[in-house]
């Protein structure tokens, strides 16, 4: 669940400079680095040969190499690993030559500080990611593999197969925003991807995360297409994102970032075009800023441009907790199907953000004993049961689960392998893989996150009889209530919370029954059955609309 830190190799023979660099890196709240230090080029080349590095900080004057020859040897040993030169040689021609032969930045030791070093590292990583193949991300490969598996089973026409592999519309932007100190102008990358335009306006969240890339956003937009189609919502799938760590931003910086990003994508969003919503790293306040920025450009208030906004601005009752509530509705239906009495059941929930925390609350309300939870800081385990009220109160005060007194701290990897009846994964993708699938001990797996289970793990879980609620079904509560919010906004009406929850439950259970029927009739796993339900609806719409011209 925890994102790996930046794996950085520092090649520097001066101990004082090493200490200075390490101090600068430790004090940068926007960076989390795992630094390895070597004091000569030969050791640096040996370490580069073992791979698994994100970046090199390189001094050009070393005991066994001098000036550009040092850089040449490093580039030859690891041509795909970005290099930042960190040197005492204040030589413009040398700096120009170093950049020309592949250095991403040239920093003088006498002029660097924590700000300049941190910015150079962040920009270098962003440039390296952009120069690479942005489509080539593990999560996008997973989304395509899932689709191709379903397409093969349903014997999908190859014309549709090729058309649906990639999004129909993609916008990549880079834009500046000003830091609070007014001295730094950060340049960041943003994305908005619309996978299918045939079903109506597109719909999907905006994610702020330091690892967001085009492939990730494309995968999420693809899953959103199948999710909306499975729920019979009149949307195609979309997704947006900005590659930045929002936890290091002040509220004012977050607002400036959001407004600038909105202005960059403003021509492709709108109530009849594409409707954003919150996702990882964003919330209803961010949606309020998106709505206001869009409305300022239009000259009048346009609440329906986003969903997941505050109720006072036209948001819907029940939207904030919709994904967790919907997940538990489906857990109840699945438990009834497999003969599991939830009042006697135990549950483990990975992730304690919006989805995970509400999942914990609603599971506890059904009588389930919560024995394990986790967030990015730690995992917690108590076989006697965790107090949900105490967990919520602790997180409200401390912002994370680490240090919670009434449980045994465990890792997220250990948490997934706890013996329980219900395992809800509500964190990040690729949590259950071929490596740990045999050690997953639950009867029911509910996917609150997107793409948490690989195809290889699916095969293992299915062979072991674990009932899986796949992500495009299990976490569809959020987009379903977003649809309700959009309807209420476009028609200027308001539904009660009771009406919203009743409609949500009806739509989710209808999708569950259709997926279960297809799985049992065609002898498929639930994920493939759900995908076929969604893909069939999209391809039928495309067939009826035809090809223009």
Protein backbone atom coordinates (compact mmCIF):
# COMPACT_ATOMS: atom_id res chain seq x y z
CA UNK A 1 0.00 0.00 0.00
CA UNK A 2 2.84 2.41 0.83
CA UNK A 3 4.36 4.08 -2.25
CA UNK A 4 8.09 3.39 -2.44
CA UNK A 5 10.39 6.35 -1.76
CA UNK A 6 12.62 7.86 -4.42
CA UNK A 7 15.54 5.46 -4.71
CA UNK A 8 18.52 7.79 -4.96
CA UNK A 9 22.23 7.07 -5.37
CA UNK A 10 24.58 9.82 -4.14
CA UNK A 11 28.09 9.52 -5.61
CA UNK A 12 30.17 11.92 -3.48
CA UNK A 13 33.55 11.58 -1.76
CA UNK A 14 33.35 14.63 0.53
CA UNK A 15 31.77 13.62 3.87
CA UNK A 16 30.68 17.19 4.64
CA UNK A 17 28.85 17.47 1.34
CA UNK A 18 27.23 14.09 1.94
CA UNK A 19 25.90 15.26 5.32
CA UNK A 20 24.63 18.49 3.78
CA UNK A 21 22.75 16.73 0.99
CA UNK A 22 21.24 14.20 3.37
CA UNK A 23 20.09 17.01 5.67
CA UNK A 24 18.48 18.89 2.76
CA UNK A 25 16.67 15.76 1.60
CA UNK A 26 15.45 14.88 5.10
CA UNK A 27 13.97 18.36 5.51
CA UNK A 28 12.02 18.36 2.23
CA UNK A 29 8.38 17.55 3.07
CA UNK A 30 7.58 16.94 -0.60
CA UNK A 31 10.18 14.23 -1.05
CA UNK A 32 10.69 10.85 0.57
CA UNK A 33 14.06 9.48 -0.45
CA UNK A 34 15.91 6.26 0.25
CA UNK A 35 19.51 7.34 -0.26
CA UNK A 36 22.53 5.13 -0.88
CA UNK A 37 25.95 6.78 -0.71
CA UNK A 38 29.19 5.71 -2.40
CA UNK A 39 32.46 7.66 -2.46
CA UNK A 40 34.02 6.56 -5.74
CA UNK A 41 32.88 5.95 -9.30
CA UNK A 42 33.73 2.24 -9.37
CA UNK A 43 31.38 1.58 -6.45
CA UNK A 44 28.74 3.77 -8.09
CA UNK A 45 28.96 1.83 -11.37
CA UNK A 46 28.69 -1.45 -9.46
CA UNK A 47 25.56 -0.21 -7.70
CA UNK A 48 24.06 1.02 -10.99
CA UNK A 49 24.59 -2.43 -12.42
CA UNK A 50 22.19 -3.87 -9.85
CA UNK A 51 19.39 -1.57 -11.04
CA UNK A 52 16.32 -0.45 -9.06
CA UNK A 53 17.36 3.22 -8.85
CA UNK A 54 15.25 6.27 -9.70
CA UNK A 55 17.96 8.93 -9.83
CA UNK A 56 21.70 9.60 -9.41
CA UNK A 57 23.25 12.64 -7.72
CA UNK A 58 26.75 12.72 -9.18
CA UNK A 59 29.88 14.63 -8.22
CA UNK A 60 32.14 15.01 -11.27
CA UNK A 61 35.41 15.07 -9.33
CA UNK A 62 36.01 11.69 -7.69
CA UNK A 63 39.13 9.79 -6.62
CA UNK A 64 38.94 7.51 -9.64
CA UNK A 65 37.36 9.77 -12.29
CA UNK A 66 37.39 13.42 -13.37
CA UNK A 67 34.91 15.86 -14.95
CA UNK A 68 32.81 14.78 -17.95
CA UNK A 69 34.44 11.35 -18.09
CA UNK A 70 32.58 10.63 -14.84
CA UNK A 71 29.27 11.51 -16.42
CA UNK A 72 30.02 9.55 -19.61
CA UNK A 73 30.69 6.39 -17.63
CA UNK A 74 27.54 6.74 -15.52
CA UNK A 75 25.37 7.35 -18.60
CA UNK A 76 26.89 4.34 -20.34
CA UNK A 77 26.26 2.11 -17.33
CA UNK A 78 22.63 3.20 -16.84
CA UNK A 79 21.33 5.18 -19.86
CA UNK A 80 17.73 5.21 -18.58
CA UNK A 81 18.51 6.44 -15.06
CA UNK A 82 18.35 10.26 -14.81
CA UNK A 83 21.46 12.03 -13.49
CA UNK A 84 21.78 15.34 -11.65
CA UNK A 85 25.32 16.72 -11.54
CA UNK A 86 26.27 18.13 -8.14
CA UNK A 87 29.68 19.78 -8.39
CA UNK A 88 31.97 22.58 -7.23
CA UNK A 89 33.05 23.48 -10.80
CA UNK A 90 31.42 26.79 -11.72
CA UNK A 91 32.04 26.50 -15.46
CA UNK A 92 29.28 27.55 -17.87
CA UNK A 93 30.77 25.64 -20.80
CA UNK A 94 31.16 22.50 -18.71
CA UNK A 95 27.58 22.83 -17.45
CA UNK A 96 26.26 23.22 -21.00
CA UNK A 97 28.25 20.22 -22.17
CA UNK A 98 27.07 18.11 -19.22
CA UNK A 99 23.43 18.86 -19.96
CA UNK A 100 24.05 18.25 -23.66
CA UNK A 101 25.33 14.73 -23.00
CA UNK A 102 22.48 13.74 -20.73
CA UNK A 103 22.56 15.40 -17.29
CA UNK A 104 19.09 16.53 -16.26
CA UNK A 105 20.44 19.38 -14.10
CA UNK A 106 23.78 20.95 -13.14
CA UNK A 107 23.90 22.19 -9.54
CA UNK A 108 26.73 24.01 -7.81
CA UNK A 109 27.45 22.85 -4.29
CA UNK A 110 28.15 26.42 -3.20
CA UNK A 111 24.66 27.55 -4.27
CA UNK A 112 22.33 24.71 -3.44
CA UNK A 113 19.86 24.66 -0.57
CA UNK A 114 17.00 22.38 0.41
CA UNK A 115 14.59 24.17 -1.93
CA UNK A 116 16.78 24.13 -5.04
CA UNK A 117 17.87 20.51 -4.53
CA UNK A 118 14.33 19.29 -3.90
CA UNK A 119 12.97 21.11 -6.93
CA UNK A 120 15.72 19.73 -9.15
CA UNK A 121 14.94 16.18 -8.05
CA UNK A 122 11.18 16.58 -8.50
CA UNK A 123 11.55 18.16 -11.93
CA UNK A 124 14.03 15.54 -13.03
CA UNK A 125 11.70 12.71 -12.05
CA UNK A 126 8.78 14.42 -13.80
CA UNK A 127 10.81 14.95 -16.98
CA UNK A 128 12.09 11.37 -16.95
CA UNK A 129 8.54 10.09 -16.60
CA UNK A 130 7.30 12.30 -19.42
CA UNK A 131 10.14 11.39 -21.76
CA UNK A 132 9.34 7.73 -21.25
CA UNK A 133 6.32 5.93 -22.58
CA UNK A 134 3.54 7.38 -20.42
CA UNK A 135 1.05 4.78 -21.59
CA UNK A 136 3.25 1.98 -20.30
CA UNK A 137 2.09 1.69 -16.69
CA UNK A 138 1.31 -1.52 -14.77
CA UNK A 139 -2.23 -0.40 -14.00
CA UNK A 140 -2.99 0.38 -17.67
CA UNK A 141 -1.60 -2.99 -18.73
CA UNK A 142 -3.88 -4.61 -16.14
CA UNK A 143 -6.93 -2.72 -17.43
CA UNK A 144 -6.17 -3.76 -21.00
CA UNK A 145 -5.51 -7.39 -20.01
CA UNK A 146 -8.85 -7.57 -18.18
CA UNK A 147 -10.66 -6.12 -21.18
CA UNK A 148 -8.92 -8.43 -23.67
CA UNK A 149 -9.76 -11.47 -21.53
CA UNK A 150 -13.43 -10.48 -21.48
CA UNK A 151 -13.35 -9.66 -25.22
CA UNK A 152 -11.89 -13.09 -26.00
CA UNK A 153 -14.53 -14.92 -23.97
CA UNK A 154 -17.42 -12.95 -25.49
CA UNK A 155 -15.91 -13.25 -28.99
CA UNK A 156 -15.99 -9.49 -29.41
CA UNK A 157 -15.67 -8.16 -32.96
CA UNK A 158 -12.07 -7.11 -33.53
CA UNK A 159 -13.15 -3.65 -34.71
CA UNK A 160 -14.64 -2.95 -31.28
CA UNK A 161 -11.75 -4.65 -29.55
CA UNK A 162 -9.18 -2.35 -31.11
CA UNK A 163 -11.36 0.75 -30.68
CA UNK A 164 -11.84 0.25 -26.94
CA UNK A 165 -8.24 -0.53 -26.01
CA UNK A 166 -7.26 3.16 -25.83
CA UNK A 167 -9.13 6.30 -24.78
CA UNK A 168 -10.87 8.40 -27.41
CA UNK A 169 -9.62 11.74 -26.08
CA UNK A 170 -6.58 12.66 -24.02
CA UNK A 171 -5.30 16.02 -22.84
CA UNK A 172 -1.86 16.39 -21.25
CA UNK A 173 -0.94 19.77 -19.80
CA UNK A 174 1.96 21.30 -17.93
CA UNK A 175 1.28 24.42 -15.94
CA UNK A 176 2.75 26.64 -13.21
CA UNK A 177 1.47 27.56 -9.80
CA UNK A 178 3.02 29.86 -7.25
CA UNK A 179 4.17 28.72 -3.83
CA UNK A 180 3.17 30.65 -0.74
CA UNK A 181 6.62 32.21 -0.37
CA UNK A 182 6.12 33.82 -3.82
CA UNK A 183 9.66 32.76 -4.71
CA UNK A 184 8.91 29.38 -6.25
CA UNK A 185 6.88 28.80 -9.38
CA UNK A 186 6.28 25.06 -9.57
CA UNK A 187 5.62 23.45 -12.96
CA UNK A 188 3.55 20.28 -12.80
CA UNK A 189 1.90 17.87 -15.21
CA UNK A 190 -1.84 17.35 -15.42
CA UNK A 191 -4.12 15.00 -17.35
CA UNK A 192 -7.73 14.57 -18.40
CA UNK A 193 -8.66 11.40 -20.26
CA UNK A 194 -12.04 10.51 -21.77
CA UNK A 195 -12.26 6.84 -22.67
CA UNK A 196 -15.62 6.53 -24.45
CA UNK A 197 -17.74 9.38 -25.83
CA UNK A 198 -20.58 7.24 -27.20
CA UNK A 199 -22.60 6.85 -24.01
CA UNK A 200 -23.27 10.50 -23.12
CA UNK A 201 -21.06 12.92 -21.20
CA UNK A 202 -18.01 11.36 -19.62
CA UNK A 203 -17.65 10.99 -15.86
CA UNK A 204 -14.70 10.45 -13.57
CA UNK A 205 -12.65 11.77 -10.69
CA UNK A 206 -9.62 14.02 -10.37
CA UNK A 207 -6.64 12.49 -8.57
CA UNK A 208 -3.75 14.41 -6.98
CA UNK A 209 -0.83 12.05 -6.42
CA UNK A 210 2.92 12.16 -6.96
CA UNK A 211 2.86 9.05 -9.15
CA UNK A 212 -0.04 10.01 -11.44
CA UNK A 213 0.76 9.44 -15.12
CA UNK A 214 -1.07 9.13 -18.41
CA UNK A 215 -1.22 5.34 -18.25
CA UNK A 216 -2.72 5.39 -14.75
CA UNK A 217 -5.37 7.94 -15.70
CA UNK A 218 -6.16 6.02 -18.90
CA UNK A 219 -6.66 2.81 -16.90
CA UNK A 220 -8.97 4.51 -14.42
CA UNK A 221 -11.02 6.07 -17.23
CA UNK A 222 -11.33 2.64 -18.88
CA UNK A 223 -12.62 1.05 -15.68
CA UNK A 224 -15.02 3.95 -15.24
CA UNK A 225 -16.50 3.21 -18.67
CA UNK A 226 -17.24 -0.40 -17.76
CA UNK A 227 -18.48 0.67 -14.32
CA UNK A 228 -20.98 3.21 -15.69
CA UNK A 229 -22.18 0.75 -18.31
CA UNK A 230 -22.61 -2.00 -15.72
CA UNK A 231 -24.70 0.38 -13.57
CA UNK A 232 -26.68 1.49 -16.69
CA UNK A 233 -25.66 5.10 -16.14
CA UNK A 234 -25.68 7.46 -19.18
CA UNK A 235 -21.95 8.19 -19.00
CA UNK A 236 -18.71 7.22 -20.63
CA UNK A 237 -15.63 6.87 -18.48
CA UNK A 238 -13.16 9.67 -17.75
CA UNK A 239 -10.42 10.48 -15.27
CA UNK A 240 -8.13 13.35 -14.45
CA UNK A 241 -5.04 13.88 -12.38
CA UNK A 242 -2.18 16.13 -11.40
CA UNK A 243 1.23 14.68 -10.64
CA UNK A 244 1.91 16.22 -7.24
CA UNK A 245 1.87 15.23 -3.60
CA UNK A 246 -1.03 17.22 -2.10
CA UNK A 247 0.05 16.50 1.48
CA UNK A 248 2.93 18.94 1.05
CA UNK A 249 0.68 21.82 -0.08
CA UNK A 250 -0.91 24.52 2.02
CA UNK A 251 -4.61 25.18 1.55
CA UNK A 252 -3.81 28.30 -0.49
CA UNK A 253 -1.38 26.39 -2.70
CA UNK A 254 -3.92 23.64 -3.22
CA UNK A 255 -6.50 26.21 -4.30
CA UNK A 256 -4.13 27.89 -6.77
CA UNK A 257 -3.13 24.51 -8.19
CA UNK A 258 -6.76 23.46 -8.62
CA UNK A 259 -7.87 26.68 -10.26
CA UNK A 260 -4.97 26.63 -12.73
CA UNK A 261 -5.52 22.96 -13.58
CA UNK A 262 -9.23 23.68 -14.13
CA UNK A 263 -8.42 26.55 -16.47
CA UNK A 264 -6.13 24.24 -18.48
CA UNK A 265 -8.84 21.61 -19.07
CA UNK A 266 -11.84 23.95 -19.10
CA UNK A 267 -12.62 23.46 -22.80
CA UNK A 268 -13.22 19.72 -22.46
CA UNK A 269 -15.29 19.67 -19.24
CA UNK A 270 -18.87 20.79 -18.63
CA UNK A 271 -22.27 19.41 -17.57
CA UNK A 272 -22.93 18.06 -21.08
CA UNK A 273 -19.29 17.16 -21.85
CA UNK A 274 -17.35 15.73 -18.92
CA UNK A 275 -18.16 15.92 -15.21
CA UNK A 276 -15.24 15.59 -12.75
CA UNK A 277 -15.56 14.33 -9.17
CA UNK A 278 -13.25 13.78 -6.17
CA UNK A 279 -10.70 10.99 -6.14
CA UNK A 280 -7.51 10.23 -4.24
CA UNK A 281 -5.95 13.43 -2.91
CA UNK A 282 -9.00 15.59 -3.67
CA UNK A 283 -12.26 16.28 -1.82
CA UNK A 284 -15.44 18.34 -1.87
CA UNK A 285 -13.49 21.57 -1.28
CA UNK A 286 -11.41 20.91 -4.39
CA UNK A 287 -14.62 20.31 -6.33
CA UNK A 288 -15.98 23.63 -5.05
CA UNK A 289 -12.89 25.39 -6.47
CA UNK A 290 -13.28 23.57 -9.81
CA UNK A 291 -16.95 24.60 -9.96
CA UNK A 292 -16.18 28.21 -9.07
CA UNK A 293 -13.36 28.50 -11.62
CA UNK A 294 -15.56 27.07 -14.36
CA UNK A 295 -18.50 29.27 -13.33
CA UNK A 296 -16.34 32.41 -13.39
CA UNK A 297 -15.47 31.68 -17.00
CA UNK A 298 -19.09 31.04 -17.94
CA UNK A 299 -20.35 34.15 -16.17
CA UNK A 300 -22.94 32.31 -14.05
CA UNK A 301 -23.06 29.48 -11.51
CA UNK A 302 -22.78 26.00 -13.06
CA UNK A 303 -23.14 23.52 -10.16
CA UNK A 304 -23.54 20.51 -12.47
CA UNK A 305 -19.99 20.82 -13.87
CA UNK A 306 -18.74 18.65 -10.99
CA UNK A 307 -20.13 16.18 -8.49
CA UNK A 308 -18.96 15.43 -4.98
CA UNK A 309 -19.10 19.13 -4.07
CA UNK A 310 -20.49 20.54 -0.79
CA UNK A 311 -24.25 20.19 -0.35
CA UNK A 312 -24.65 23.95 0.05
CA UNK A 313 -23.28 24.39 -3.51
CA UNK A 314 -25.63 21.83 -5.01
CA UNK A 315 -23.95 18.65 -3.87
CA UNK A 316 -25.98 15.57 -3.10
CA UNK A 317 -26.78 14.16 0.30
CA UNK A 318 -25.04 10.81 0.72
CA UNK A 319 -22.32 11.41 -1.87
CA UNK A 320 -19.40 11.48 0.55
CA UNK A 321 -20.15 8.07 2.02
CA UNK A 322 -21.63 6.55 -1.16
CA UNK A 323 -18.71 4.31 -2.17
CA UNK A 324 -18.37 2.76 1.30
CA UNK A 325 -22.13 2.43 1.72
CA UNK A 326 -22.50 0.82 -1.69
CA UNK A 327 -19.65 -1.58 -0.97
CA UNK A 328 -21.42 -2.79 2.17
CA UNK A 329 -24.75 -3.17 0.34
CA UNK A 330 -22.95 -5.53 -2.03
CA UNK A 331 -21.13 -7.33 0.78
CA UNK A 332 -24.53 -8.04 2.33
CA UNK A 333 -25.87 -9.40 -0.95
CA UNK A 334 -22.77 -11.53 -1.55
CA UNK A 335 -22.80 -12.83 2.03
CA UNK A 336 -26.39 -13.94 1.62
CA UNK A 337 -25.46 -15.69 -1.63
CA UNK A 338 -22.56 -17.67 -0.10
CA UNK A 339 -24.36 -18.35 3.20
CA UNK A 340 -22.24 -16.09 5.41
CA UNK A 341 -23.92 -14.69 8.54
CA UNK A 342 -22.47 -11.20 8.88
CA UNK A 343 -23.51 -10.94 12.53
CA UNK A 344 -21.03 -13.74 13.23
CA UNK A 345 -18.42 -12.59 10.74
CA UNK A 346 -15.04 -10.88 11.03
CA UNK A 347 -13.66 -8.28 8.65
CA UNK A 348 -10.36 -6.70 7.71
CA UNK A 349 -10.29 -3.38 5.83
CA UNK A 350 -7.17 -2.14 4.06
CA UNK A 351 -7.28 1.64 3.71
CA UNK A 352 -8.81 4.15 6.10
CA UNK A 353 -9.47 7.07 3.80
CA UNK A 354 -12.93 8.05 2.65
CA UNK A 355 -13.90 4.63 1.26
CA UNK A 356 -12.20 2.53 3.92
CA UNK A 357 -13.42 4.49 6.94
CA UNK A 358 -17.05 4.46 5.80
CA UNK A 359 -16.76 0.77 4.92
CA UNK A 360 -15.59 0.07 8.48
CA UNK A 361 -18.49 2.07 9.93
CA UNK A 362 -21.19 0.45 7.80
CA UNK A 363 -19.79 -3.07 8.26
CA UNK A 364 -19.81 -2.55 12.03
CA UNK A 365 -23.43 -1.38 11.84
CA UNK A 366 -24.38 -4.71 10.23
CA UNK A 367 -22.85 -6.58 13.18
CA UNK A 368 -19.49 -7.50 11.62
CA UNK A 369 -16.51 -7.58 14.02
CA UNK A 370 -13.68 -5.42 12.64
CA UNK A 371 -10.40 -7.15 13.56
CA UNK A 372 -7.96 -5.32 11.28
CA UNK A 373 -7.61 -1.93 9.57
CA UNK A 374 -4.76 0.02 7.98
CA UNK A 375 -3.74 3.27 6.38
CA UNK A 376 -0.51 4.50 4.82
CA UNK A 377 1.13 4.78 8.27
CA UNK A 378 0.46 1.30 9.71
CA UNK A 379 -1.79 -1.70 10.03
CA UNK A 380 -3.70 -2.57 13.21
CA UNK A 381 -4.88 -5.97 14.44
CA UNK A 382 -7.03 -6.94 17.41
CA UNK A 383 -8.69 -10.40 17.27
CA UNK A 384 -11.15 -9.30 19.97
CA UNK A 385 -12.37 -6.49 17.72
CA UNK A 386 -11.53 -2.83 17.17
CA UNK A 387 -13.72 0.01 18.40
CA UNK A 388 -14.82 1.92 15.31
CA UNK A 389 -15.69 4.96 17.39
CA UNK A 390 -12.23 4.95 18.97
CA UNK A 391 -10.55 4.58 15.56
CA UNK A 392 -12.45 7.51 14.08
CA UNK A 393 -11.78 9.68 17.11
CA UNK A 394 -8.06 8.83 17.05
CA UNK A 395 -7.70 9.61 13.33
CA UNK A 396 -9.63 12.86 13.72
CA UNK A 397 -7.02 13.96 16.27
CA UNK A 398 -3.84 12.39 14.85
CA UNK A 399 -4.65 12.22 11.10
CA UNK A 400 -3.33 8.65 10.88
CA UNK A 401 -3.70 5.26 12.57
CA UNK A 402 -0.08 4.95 13.70
CA UNK A 403 0.13 4.90 17.47
CA UNK A 404 -3.44 3.72 18.08
CA UNK A 405 -3.17 2.08 21.52
CA UNK A 406 -5.74 -0.72 21.52
CA UNK A 407 -4.29 -2.94 18.79
CA UNK A 408 -1.15 -4.72 17.63
CA UNK A 409 0.70 -2.80 14.89
CA UNK A 410 1.32 -4.88 11.77
CA UNK A 411 2.37 -4.19 8.20
CA UNK A 412 -0.08 -3.80 5.36
CA UNK A 413 1.26 -7.00 3.83
CA UNK A 414 0.54 -8.88 7.06
CA UNK A 415 -2.89 -7.28 7.31
CA UNK A 416 -3.96 -8.70 3.95
CA UNK A 417 -3.07 -12.19 5.10
CA UNK A 418 -5.10 -12.15 8.33
CA UNK A 419 -7.71 -14.87 8.61
CA UNK A 420 -11.16 -13.29 8.31
CA UNK A 421 -14.53 -13.70 6.62
CA UNK A 422 -14.58 -10.41 4.72
CA UNK A 423 -11.51 -8.65 3.31
CA UNK A 424 -12.17 -5.18 1.91
CA UNK A 425 -9.29 -3.61 -0.03
CA UNK A 426 -9.82 0.15 -0.23
CA UNK A 427 -6.30 1.48 -0.79
CA UNK A 428 -4.24 1.31 -4.00
CA UNK A 429 -3.91 -0.98 -7.02
CA UNK A 430 -1.88 -4.20 -7.20
CA UNK A 431 -2.29 -5.25 -3.58
CA UNK A 432 -3.21 -8.90 -4.19
CA UNK A 433 -0.82 -10.56 -6.60
CA UNK A 434 0.44 -14.00 -7.57
CA UNK A 435 2.95 -13.70 -4.71
CA UNK A 436 0.42 -13.39 -1.87
CA UNK A 437 -2.86 -14.74 -3.29
CA UNK A 438 -2.29 -18.18 -1.74
CA UNK A 439 -2.01 -16.53 1.67
CA UNK A 440 -5.26 -14.58 1.45
CA UNK A 441 -7.57 -16.18 4.03
CA UNK A 442 -11.05 -14.79 3.52
CA UNK A 443 -14.36 -16.05 2.17
CA UNK A 444 -15.38 -12.78 0.55
CA UNK A 445 -13.08 -10.20 -1.09
CA UNK A 446 -14.62 -6.77 -1.70
CA UNK A 447 -12.64 -4.37 -3.90
CA UNK A 448 -13.18 -0.80 -2.77
CA UNK A 449 -10.03 0.31 -4.64
CA UNK A 450 -9.47 0.27 -8.39
CA UNK A 451 -7.37 -2.58 -9.74
CA UNK A 452 -6.25 -4.09 -6.43
CA UNK A 453 -6.06 -7.66 -7.78
CA UNK A 454 -3.95 -8.91 -10.67
CA UNK A 455 -5.22 -11.42 -13.21
CA UNK A 456 -2.83 -14.08 -11.90
CA UNK A 457 -4.16 -13.55 -8.38
CA UNK A 458 -7.72 -13.78 -9.70
CA UNK A 459 -7.03 -17.30 -10.95
CA UNK A 460 -5.63 -18.34 -7.56
CA UNK A 461 -8.53 -16.83 -5.60
CA UNK A 462 -11.14 -18.38 -7.86
CA UNK A 463 -9.49 -21.79 -7.60
CA UNK A 464 -9.57 -21.49 -3.81
CA UNK A 465 -13.26 -20.58 -3.78
CA UNK A 466 -12.93 -16.96 -2.61
CA UNK A 467 -15.98 -14.97 -3.71
CA UNK A 468 -14.75 -11.73 -5.31
CA UNK A 469 -16.76 -8.52 -5.62
CA UNK A 470 -14.78 -6.89 -8.47
CA UNK A 471 -13.94 -3.21 -8.40
CA UNK A 472 -16.18 -2.06 -11.26
CA UNK A 473 -19.12 -3.46 -9.30
CA UNK A 474 -18.02 -3.11 -5.69
CA UNK A 475 -16.96 0.55 -5.70
CA UNK A 476 -19.63 1.84 -8.09
CA UNK A 477 -21.61 3.51 -5.30
CA UNK A 478 -19.64 6.73 -5.71
CA UNK A 479 -20.32 7.25 -9.40
CA UNK A 480 -23.94 6.18 -8.94
CA UNK A 481 -24.64 8.89 -6.37
CA UNK A 482 -22.60 11.28 -8.52
CA UNK A 483 -25.14 10.52 -11.24
CA UNK A 484 -27.92 11.38 -8.79
CA UNK A 485 -26.14 14.66 -7.99
CA UNK A 486 -25.81 15.48 -11.68
CA UNK A 487 -29.51 14.76 -12.28
CA UNK A 488 -30.52 16.91 -9.31
CA UNK A 489 -28.27 19.71 -10.56
CA UNK A 490 -29.45 19.68 -14.17
CA UNK A 491 -33.12 19.51 -13.14
CA UNK A 492 -32.91 21.86 -10.12
CA UNK A 493 -34.43 19.40 -7.67
CA UNK A 494 -33.42 17.76 -4.41
CA UNK A 495 -33.83 14.18 -3.18
CA UNK A 496 -33.84 13.14 0.45
CA UNK A 497 -31.08 10.94 1.84
CA UNK A 498 -33.57 8.08 2.19
CA UNK A 499 -34.52 8.37 -1.50
CA UNK A 500 -30.86 8.44 -2.53
CA UNK A 501 -29.93 5.38 -0.49
CA UNK A 502 -32.95 3.46 -1.77
CA UNK A 503 -32.11 4.28 -5.39
CA UNK A 504 -28.44 3.46 -4.81
CA UNK A 505 -29.23 0.09 -3.30
CA UNK A 506 -31.66 -0.78 -6.09
CA UNK A 507 -29.15 0.02 -8.85
CA UNK A 508 -26.27 -1.81 -7.17
CA UNK A 509 -28.29 -4.93 -6.39
CA UNK A 510 -29.64 -5.03 -9.94
CA UNK A 511 -26.07 -4.93 -11.25
CA UNK A 512 -25.03 -7.59 -8.73
CA UNK A 513 -27.83 -9.95 -9.76
CA UNK A 514 -27.13 -9.49 -13.48
CA UNK A 515 -23.41 -10.12 -12.92
CA UNK A 516 -24.06 -13.15 -10.71
CA UNK A 517 -26.52 -14.60 -13.23
CA UNK A 518 -24.00 -14.23 -16.07
CA UNK A 519 -21.22 -15.72 -13.94
CA UNK A 520 -23.29 -18.77 -13.01
CA UNK A 521 -24.84 -19.24 -16.45
CA UNK A 522 -21.59 -18.92 -18.40
CA UNK A 523 -19.38 -20.42 -15.66
CA UNK A 524 -17.29 -17.27 -15.32
CA UNK A 525 -15.62 -15.51 -12.42
CA UNK A 526 -17.42 -12.40 -11.16
CA UNK A 527 -14.86 -9.95 -12.59
CA UNK A 528 -15.10 -11.31 -16.11
CA UNK A 529 -18.88 -11.48 -15.87
CA UNK A 530 -19.05 -7.84 -14.73
CA UNK A 531 -16.71 -6.75 -17.51
CA UNK A 532 -18.74 -8.57 -20.15
CA UNK A 533 -21.92 -6.91 -18.85
CA UNK A 534 -20.30 -3.49 -19.19
CA UNK A 535 -18.47 -4.10 -22.48
CA UNK A 536 -21.61 -5.54 -24.10
CA UNK A 537 -23.58 -2.39 -23.32
CA UNK A 538 -20.84 -0.11 -24.68
CA UNK A 539 -20.32 -2.07 -27.88
CA UNK A 540 -24.07 -2.18 -28.54
CA UNK A 541 -24.22 1.62 -28.21
CA UNK A 542 -21.26 2.01 -30.57
CA UNK A 543 -22.82 -0.38 -33.07
CA UNK A 544 -26.09 1.55 -33.09
CA UNK A 545 -24.38 4.93 -33.47
CA UNK A 546 -22.17 3.71 -36.30
CA UNK A 547 -18.96 5.27 -37.61
CA UNK A 548 -18.70 8.86 -38.82
CA UNK A 549 -18.38 9.67 -41.66
